[in-house]
């Protein structure tokens, strides 16, 4: 299984390359951070799980709503 750092660096590099706006890139980076953490916790062993803050989940949901209504 790929390590956490590989996913994190891959997601960061892709957002900066795929967007022309710094704000959009940061939004996608934040969303990918939250989603990767959630999927990692879902599929990893119990001792490897990392807590995801409820604040991060709520902000991620707000960013998804923002992206849906702004496009």
PDB file of N, CA and C in Angstrom:
ATOM      1  N   UNK A   1       0.839  -1.176   0.000  1.00  0.00           N
ATOM      2  CA  UNK A   1       0.000   0.000   0.000  1.00  0.00           C
ATOM      3  C   UNK A   1       0.890   1.247   0.000  1.00  0.00           C
ATOM      4  N   UNK A   2       0.480   2.259  -0.754  1.00  0.00           N
ATOM      5  CA  UNK A   2       1.261   3.496  -0.824  1.00  0.00           C
ATOM      6  C   UNK A   2       1.181   4.243   0.503  1.00  0.00           C
ATOM      7  N   UNK A   3       2.232   4.953   0.807  1.00  0.00           N
ATOM      8  CA  UNK A   3       2.256   5.658   2.082  1.00  0.00           C
ATOM      9  C   UNK A   3       1.420   6.937   2.008  1.00  0.00           C
ATOM     10  N   UNK A   4       1.134   7.463   3.159  1.00  0.00           N
ATOM     11  CA  UNK A   4       0.340   8.681   3.285  1.00  0.00           C
ATOM     12  C   UNK A   4       1.025   9.862   2.595  1.00  0.00           C
ATOM     13  N   UNK A   5       2.338   9.972   2.735  1.00  0.00           N
ATOM     14  CA  UNK A   5       3.064  11.113   2.178  1.00  0.00           C
ATOM     15  C   UNK A   5       3.009  11.129   0.657  1.00  0.00           C
ATOM     16  N   UNK A   6       2.987   9.962   0.021  1.00  0.00           N
ATOM     17  CA  UNK A   6       2.905   9.913  -1.433  1.00  0.00           C
ATOM     18  C   UNK A   6       1.580  10.493  -1.906  1.00  0.00           C
ATOM     19  N   UNK A   7       0.469  10.109  -1.262  1.00  0.00           N
ATOM     20  CA  UNK A   7      -0.835  10.650  -1.619  1.00  0.00           C
ATOM     21  C   UNK A   7      -0.883  12.164  -1.403  1.00  0.00           C
ATOM     22  N   UNK A   8      -0.336  12.616  -0.306  1.00  0.00           N
ATOM     23  CA  UNK A   8      -0.376  14.032   0.023  1.00  0.00           C
ATOM     24  C   UNK A   8       0.393  14.860  -1.009  1.00  0.00           C
ATOM     25  N   UNK A   9       1.596  14.443  -1.356  1.00  0.00           N
ATOM     26  CA  UNK A   9       2.393  15.200  -2.318  1.00  0.00           C
ATOM     27  C   UNK A   9       1.802  15.123  -3.717  1.00  0.00           C
ATOM     28  N   UNK A  10       1.237  13.986  -4.075  1.00  0.00           N
ATOM     29  CA  UNK A  10       0.599  13.854  -5.376  1.00  0.00           C
ATOM     30  C   UNK A  10      -0.598  14.779  -5.494  1.00  0.00           C
ATOM     31  N   UNK A  11      -1.407  14.840  -4.441  1.00  0.00           N
ATOM     32  CA  UNK A  11      -2.585  15.702  -4.483  1.00  0.00           C
ATOM     33  C   UNK A  11      -2.197  17.172  -4.534  1.00  0.00           C
ATOM     34  N   UNK A  12      -1.156  17.559  -3.821  1.00  0.00           N
ATOM     35  CA  UNK A  12      -0.718  18.954  -3.854  1.00  0.00           C
ATOM     36  C   UNK A  12      -0.222  19.348  -5.232  1.00  0.00           C
ATOM     37  N   UNK A  13       0.552  18.514  -5.859  1.00  0.00           N
ATOM     38  CA  UNK A  13       1.108  18.875  -7.159  1.00  0.00           C
ATOM     39  C   UNK A  13       0.027  18.926  -8.224  1.00  0.00           C
ATOM     40  N   UNK A  14      -0.969  18.069  -8.140  1.00  0.00           N
ATOM     41  CA  UNK A  14      -2.017  18.062  -9.157  1.00  0.00           C
ATOM     42  C   UNK A  14      -2.898  19.301  -9.089  1.00  0.00           C
ATOM     43  N   UNK A  15      -3.237  19.772  -7.895  1.00  0.00           N
ATOM     44  CA  UNK A  15      -4.096  20.940  -7.810  1.00  0.00           C
ATOM     45  C   UNK A  15      -3.440  22.182  -8.382  1.00  0.00           C
ATOM     46  N   UNK A  16      -2.165  22.371  -8.138  1.00  0.00           N
ATOM     47  CA  UNK A  16      -1.502  23.569  -8.640  1.00  0.00           C
ATOM     48  C   UNK A  16      -1.361  23.520 -10.150  1.00  0.00           C
ATOM     49  N   UNK A  17      -1.278  22.331 -10.716  1.00  0.00           N
ATOM     50  CA  UNK A  17      -1.149  22.217 -12.163  1.00  0.00           C
ATOM     51  C   UNK A  17      -2.483  22.313 -12.888  1.00  0.00           C
ATOM     52  N   UNK A  18      -3.565  21.893 -12.263  1.00  0.00           N
ATOM     53  CA  UNK A  18      -4.858  21.821 -12.932  1.00  0.00           C
ATOM     54  C   UNK A  18      -5.698  23.090 -12.823  1.00  0.00           C
ATOM     55  N   UNK A  19      -5.313  24.014 -11.980  1.00  0.00           N
ATOM     56  CA  UNK A  19      -6.112  25.235 -11.826  1.00  0.00           C
ATOM     57  C   UNK A  19      -5.290  26.453 -12.216  1.00  0.00           C
ATOM     58  N   UNK A  20      -5.996  27.478 -12.645  1.00  0.00           N
ATOM     59  CA  UNK A  20      -5.341  28.731 -13.001  1.00  0.00           C
ATOM     60  C   UNK A  20      -5.477  29.779 -11.909  1.00  0.00           C
ATOM     61  N   UNK A  21      -6.174  29.443 -10.853  1.00  0.00           N
ATOM     62  CA  UNK A  21      -6.415  30.365  -9.759  1.00  0.00           C
ATOM     63  C   UNK A  21      -5.805  29.812  -8.472  1.00  0.00           C
ATOM     64  N   UNK A  22      -5.181  30.668  -7.710  1.00  0.00           N
ATOM     65  CA  UNK A  22      -4.608  30.244  -6.440  1.00  0.00           C
ATOM     66  C   UNK A  22      -5.721  29.825  -5.483  1.00  0.00           C
ATOM     67  N   UNK A  23      -6.822  30.564  -5.486  1.00  0.00           N
ATOM     68  CA  UNK A  23      -7.947  30.233  -4.612  1.00  0.00           C
ATOM     69  C   UNK A  23      -8.551  28.881  -4.941  1.00  0.00           C
ATOM     70  N   UNK A  24      -8.718  28.596  -6.234  1.00  0.00           N
ATOM     71  CA  UNK A  24      -9.255  27.287  -6.632  1.00  0.00           C
ATOM     72  C   UNK A  24      -8.282  26.169  -6.287  1.00  0.00           C
ATOM     73  N   UNK A  25      -7.002  26.417  -6.464  1.00  0.00           N
ATOM     74  CA  UNK A  25      -6.001  25.414  -6.119  1.00  0.00           C
ATOM     75  C   UNK A  25      -5.989  25.105  -4.635  1.00  0.00           C
ATOM     76  N   UNK A  26      -6.106  26.146  -3.813  1.00  0.00           N
ATOM     77  CA  UNK A  26      -6.144  25.932  -2.367  1.00  0.00           C
ATOM     78  C   UNK A  26      -7.430  25.221  -1.942  1.00  0.00           C
ATOM     79  N   UNK A  27      -8.540  25.553  -2.603  1.00  0.00           N
ATOM     80  CA  UNK A  27      -9.797  24.876  -2.307  1.00  0.00           C
ATOM     81  C   UNK A  27      -9.699  23.394  -2.623  1.00  0.00           C
ATOM     82  N   UNK A  28      -9.169  23.061  -3.786  1.00  0.00           N
ATOM     83  CA  UNK A  28      -9.022  21.655  -4.160  1.00  0.00           C
ATOM     84  C   UNK A  28      -8.021  20.941  -3.263  1.00  0.00           C
ATOM     85  N   UNK A  29      -6.976  21.643  -2.871  1.00  0.00           N
ATOM     86  CA  UNK A  29      -5.987  21.035  -1.974  1.00  0.00           C
ATOM     87  C   UNK A  29      -6.612  20.736  -0.610  1.00  0.00           C
ATOM     88  N   UNK A  30      -7.391  21.654  -0.094  1.00  0.00           N
ATOM     89  CA  UNK A  30      -8.058  21.449   1.184  1.00  0.00           C
ATOM     90  C   UNK A  30      -9.039  20.283   1.103  1.00  0.00           C
ATOM     91  N   UNK A  31      -9.829  20.246   0.010  1.00  0.00           N
ATOM     92  CA  UNK A  31     -10.786  19.154  -0.162  1.00  0.00           C
ATOM     93  C   UNK A  31     -10.090  17.809  -0.304  1.00  0.00           C
ATOM     94  N   UNK A  32      -9.004  17.786  -1.051  1.00  0.00           N
ATOM     95  CA  UNK A  32      -8.296  16.512  -1.218  1.00  0.00           C
ATOM     96  C   UNK A  32      -7.691  16.054   0.106  1.00  0.00           C
ATOM     97  N   UNK A  33      -7.223  16.986   0.922  1.00  0.00           N
ATOM     98  CA  UNK A  33      -6.687  16.636   2.236  1.00  0.00           C
ATOM     99  C   UNK A  33      -7.759  15.955   3.081  1.00  0.00           C
ATOM    100  N   UNK A  34      -8.947  16.546   3.116  1.00  0.00           N
ATOM    101  CA  UNK A  34     -10.032  15.989   3.921  1.00  0.00           C
ATOM    102  C   UNK A  34     -10.476  14.637   3.362  1.00  0.00           C
ATOM    103  N   UNK A  35     -10.664  14.548   2.039  1.00  0.00           N
ATOM    104  CA  UNK A  35     -11.138  13.297   1.443  1.00  0.00           C
ATOM    105  C   UNK A  35     -10.114  12.175   1.563  1.00  0.00           C
ATOM    106  N   UNK A  36      -8.850  12.491   1.356  1.00  0.00           N
ATOM    107  CA  UNK A  36      -7.811  11.466   1.487  1.00  0.00           C
ATOM    108  C   UNK A  36      -7.725  10.980   2.924  1.00  0.00           C
ATOM    109  N   UNK A  37      -7.843  11.893   3.887  1.00  0.00           N
ATOM    110  CA  UNK A  37      -7.848  11.475   5.295  1.00  0.00           C
ATOM    111  C   UNK A  37      -9.030  10.567   5.599  1.00  0.00           C
ATOM    112  N   UNK A  38     -10.206  10.922   5.092  1.00  0.00           N
ATOM    113  CA  UNK A  38     -11.379  10.097   5.358  1.00  0.00           C
ATOM    114  C   UNK A  38     -11.249   8.716   4.726  1.00  0.00           C
ATOM    115  N   UNK A  39     -10.799   8.647   3.475  1.00  0.00           N
ATOM    116  CA  UNK A  39     -10.630   7.355   2.811  1.00  0.00           C
ATOM    117  C   UNK A  39      -9.506   6.536   3.453  1.00  0.00           C
ATOM    118  N   UNK A  40      -8.449   7.206   3.866  1.00  0.00           N
ATOM    119  CA  UNK A  40      -7.357   6.509   4.536  1.00  0.00           C
ATOM    120  C   UNK A  40      -7.845   5.866   5.831  1.00  0.00           C
ATOM    121  N   UNK A  41      -8.645   6.607   6.595  1.00  0.00           N
ATOM    122  CA  UNK A  41      -9.182   6.064   7.845  1.00  0.00           C
ATOM    123  C   UNK A  41     -10.189   4.961   7.595  1.00  0.00           C
ATOM    124  N   UNK A  42     -10.883   5.035   6.487  1.00  0.00           N
ATOM    125  CA  UNK A  42     -11.880   4.028   6.170  1.00  0.00           C
ATOM    126  C   UNK A  42     -11.243   2.687   5.816  1.00  0.00           C
ATOM    127  N   UNK A  43     -10.125   2.719   5.089  1.00  0.00           N
ATOM    128  CA  UNK A  43      -9.528   1.496   4.575  1.00  0.00           C
ATOM    129  C   UNK A  43      -8.258   1.050   5.297  1.00  0.00           C
ATOM    130  N   UNK A  44      -7.803   1.778   6.292  1.00  0.00           N
ATOM    131  CA  UNK A  44      -6.565   1.397   6.969  1.00  0.00           C
ATOM    132  C   UNK A  44      -6.861   0.544   8.206  1.00  0.00           C
ATOM    133  N   UNK A  45      -5.800  -0.017   8.750  1.00  0.00           N
ATOM    134  CA  UNK A  45      -5.930  -0.795   9.977  1.00  0.00           C
ATOM    135  C   UNK A  45      -6.275   0.130  11.131  1.00  0.00           C
ATOM    136  N   UNK A  46      -6.834  -0.432  12.167  1.00  0.00           N
ATOM    137  CA  UNK A  46      -7.283   0.387  13.293  1.00  0.00           C
ATOM    138  C   UNK A  46      -6.140   1.144  13.958  1.00  0.00           C
ATOM    139  N   UNK A  47      -4.969   0.539  14.066  1.00  0.00           N
ATOM    140  CA  UNK A  47      -3.853   1.223  14.728  1.00  0.00           C
ATOM    141  C   UNK A  47      -3.194   2.284  13.845  1.00  0.00           C
ATOM    142  N   UNK A  48      -3.479   2.276  12.539  1.00  0.00           N
ATOM    143  CA  UNK A  48      -2.893   3.265  11.619  1.00  0.00           C
ATOM    144  C   UNK A  48      -3.785   4.468  11.381  1.00  0.00           C
ATOM    145  N   UNK A  49      -4.980   4.465  11.916  1.00  0.00           N
ATOM    146  CA  UNK A  49      -5.935   5.547  11.646  1.00  0.00           C
ATOM    147  C   UNK A  49      -5.505   6.849  12.307  1.00  0.00           C
ATOM    148  N   UNK A  50      -5.847   7.952  11.637  1.00  0.00           N
ATOM    149  CA  UNK A  50      -5.570   9.289  12.157  1.00  0.00           C
ATOM    150  C   UNK A  50      -6.892  10.031  12.316  1.00  0.00           C
ATOM    151  N   UNK A  51      -7.052  10.755  13.391  1.00  0.00           N
ATOM    152  CA  UNK A  51      -8.332  11.455  13.583  1.00  0.00           C
ATOM    153  C   UNK A  51      -8.495  12.622  12.600  1.00  0.00           C
ATOM    154  N   UNK A  52      -9.724  12.777  12.134  1.00  0.00           N
ATOM    155  CA  UNK A  52     -10.061  13.908  11.270  1.00  0.00           C
ATOM    156  C   UNK A  52     -10.970  14.821  12.070  1.00  0.00           C
ATOM    157  N   UNK A  53     -10.590  16.076  12.185  1.00  0.00           N
ATOM    158  CA  UNK A  53     -11.350  17.028  12.984  1.00  0.00           C
ATOM    159  C   UNK A  53     -12.723  17.295  12.351  1.00  0.00           C
ATOM    160  N   UNK A  54     -13.727  17.473  13.205  1.00  0.00           N
ATOM    161  CA  UNK A  54     -15.058  17.804  12.703  1.00  0.00           C
ATOM    162  C   UNK A  54     -15.054  19.154  12.013  1.00  0.00           C
ATOM    163  N   UNK A  55     -14.203  20.047  12.455  1.00  0.00           N
ATOM    164  CA  UNK A  55     -14.098  21.359  11.809  1.00  0.00           C
ATOM    165  C   UNK A  55     -13.624  21.192  10.372  1.00  0.00           C
ATOM    166  N   UNK A  56     -12.660  20.302  10.152  1.00  0.00           N
ATOM    167  CA  UNK A  56     -12.168  20.054   8.796  1.00  0.00           C
ATOM    168  C   UNK A  56     -13.268  19.449   7.926  1.00  0.00           C
ATOM    169  N   UNK A  57     -14.053  18.555   8.475  1.00  0.00           N
ATOM    170  CA  UNK A  57     -15.132  17.936   7.709  1.00  0.00           C
ATOM    171  C   UNK A  57     -16.203  18.967   7.352  1.00  0.00           C
ATOM    172  N   UNK A  58     -16.545  19.828   8.296  1.00  0.00           N
ATOM    173  CA  UNK A  58     -17.549  20.860   8.030  1.00  0.00           C
ATOM    174  C   UNK A  58     -17.031  21.856   6.990  1.00  0.00           C
ATOM    175  N   UNK A  59     -15.783  22.282   7.122  1.00  0.00           N
ATOM    176  CA  UNK A  59     -15.214  23.192   6.125  1.00  0.00           C
ATOM    177  C   UNK A  59     -15.130  22.531   4.756  1.00  0.00           C
ATOM    178  N   UNK A  60     -14.802  21.250   4.717  1.00  0.00           N
ATOM    179  CA  UNK A  60     -14.780  20.528   3.450  1.00  0.00           C
ATOM    180  C   UNK A  60     -16.151  20.496   2.800  1.00  0.00           C
ATOM    181  N   UNK A  61     -17.188  20.274   3.594  1.00  0.00           N
ATOM    182  CA  UNK A  61     -18.553  20.279   3.064  1.00  0.00           C
ATOM    183  C   UNK A  61     -18.934  21.660   2.542  1.00  0.00           C
ATOM    184  N   UNK A  62     -18.519  22.703   3.254  1.00  0.00           N
ATOM    185  CA  UNK A  62     -18.794  24.065   2.782  1.00  0.00           C
ATOM    186  C   UNK A  62     -18.065  24.370   1.476  1.00  0.00           C
ATOM    187  N   UNK A  63     -16.837  23.889   1.342  1.00  0.00           N
ATOM    188  CA  UNK A  63     -16.106  24.092   0.091  1.00  0.00           C
ATOM    189  C   UNK A  63     -16.763  23.342  -1.064  1.00  0.00           C
ATOM    190  N   UNK A  64     -17.307  22.157  -0.803  1.00  0.00           N
ATOM    191  CA  UNK A  64     -18.016  21.422  -1.856  1.00  0.00           C
ATOM    192  C   UNK A  64     -19.255  22.194  -2.294  1.00  0.00           C
ATOM    193  N   UNK A  65     -19.994  22.740  -1.324  1.00  0.00           N
ATOM    194  CA  UNK A  65     -21.170  23.554  -1.655  1.00  0.00           C
ATOM    195  C   UNK A  65     -20.748  24.782  -2.454  1.00  0.00           C
ATOM    196  N   UNK A  66     -19.659  25.410  -2.056  1.00  0.00           N
ATOM    197  CA  UNK A  66     -19.151  26.575  -2.786  1.00  0.00           C
ATOM    198  C   UNK A  66     -18.817  26.219  -4.228  1.00  0.00           C
ATOM    199  N   UNK A  67     -18.122  25.101  -4.429  1.00  0.00           N
ATOM    200  CA  UNK A  67     -17.770  24.691  -5.783  1.00  0.00           C
ATOM    201  C   UNK A  67     -18.996  24.352  -6.623  1.00  0.00           C
ATOM    202  N   UNK A  68     -20.012  23.754  -6.002  1.00  0.00           N
ATOM    203  CA  UNK A  68     -21.220  23.408  -6.750  1.00  0.00           C
ATOM    204  C   UNK A  68     -21.989  24.639  -7.190  1.00  0.00           C
ATOM    205  N   UNK A  69     -22.071  25.656  -6.337  1.00  0.00           N
ATOM    206  CA  UNK A  69     -22.851  26.844  -6.664  1.00  0.00           C
ATOM    207  C   UNK A  69     -22.060  27.879  -7.459  1.00  0.00           C
ATOM    208  N   UNK A  70     -20.750  27.849  -7.420  1.00  0.00           N
ATOM    209  CA  UNK A  70     -19.950  28.850  -8.130  1.00  0.00           C
ATOM    210  C   UNK A  70     -19.658  28.454  -9.571  1.00  0.00           C
ATOM    211  N   UNK A  71     -19.845  27.190  -9.919  1.00  0.00           N
ATOM    212  CA  UNK A  71     -19.514  26.792 -11.295  1.00  0.00           C
ATOM    213  C   UNK A  71     -20.707  26.735 -12.192  1.00  0.00           C
TER     214      UNK A  71
END
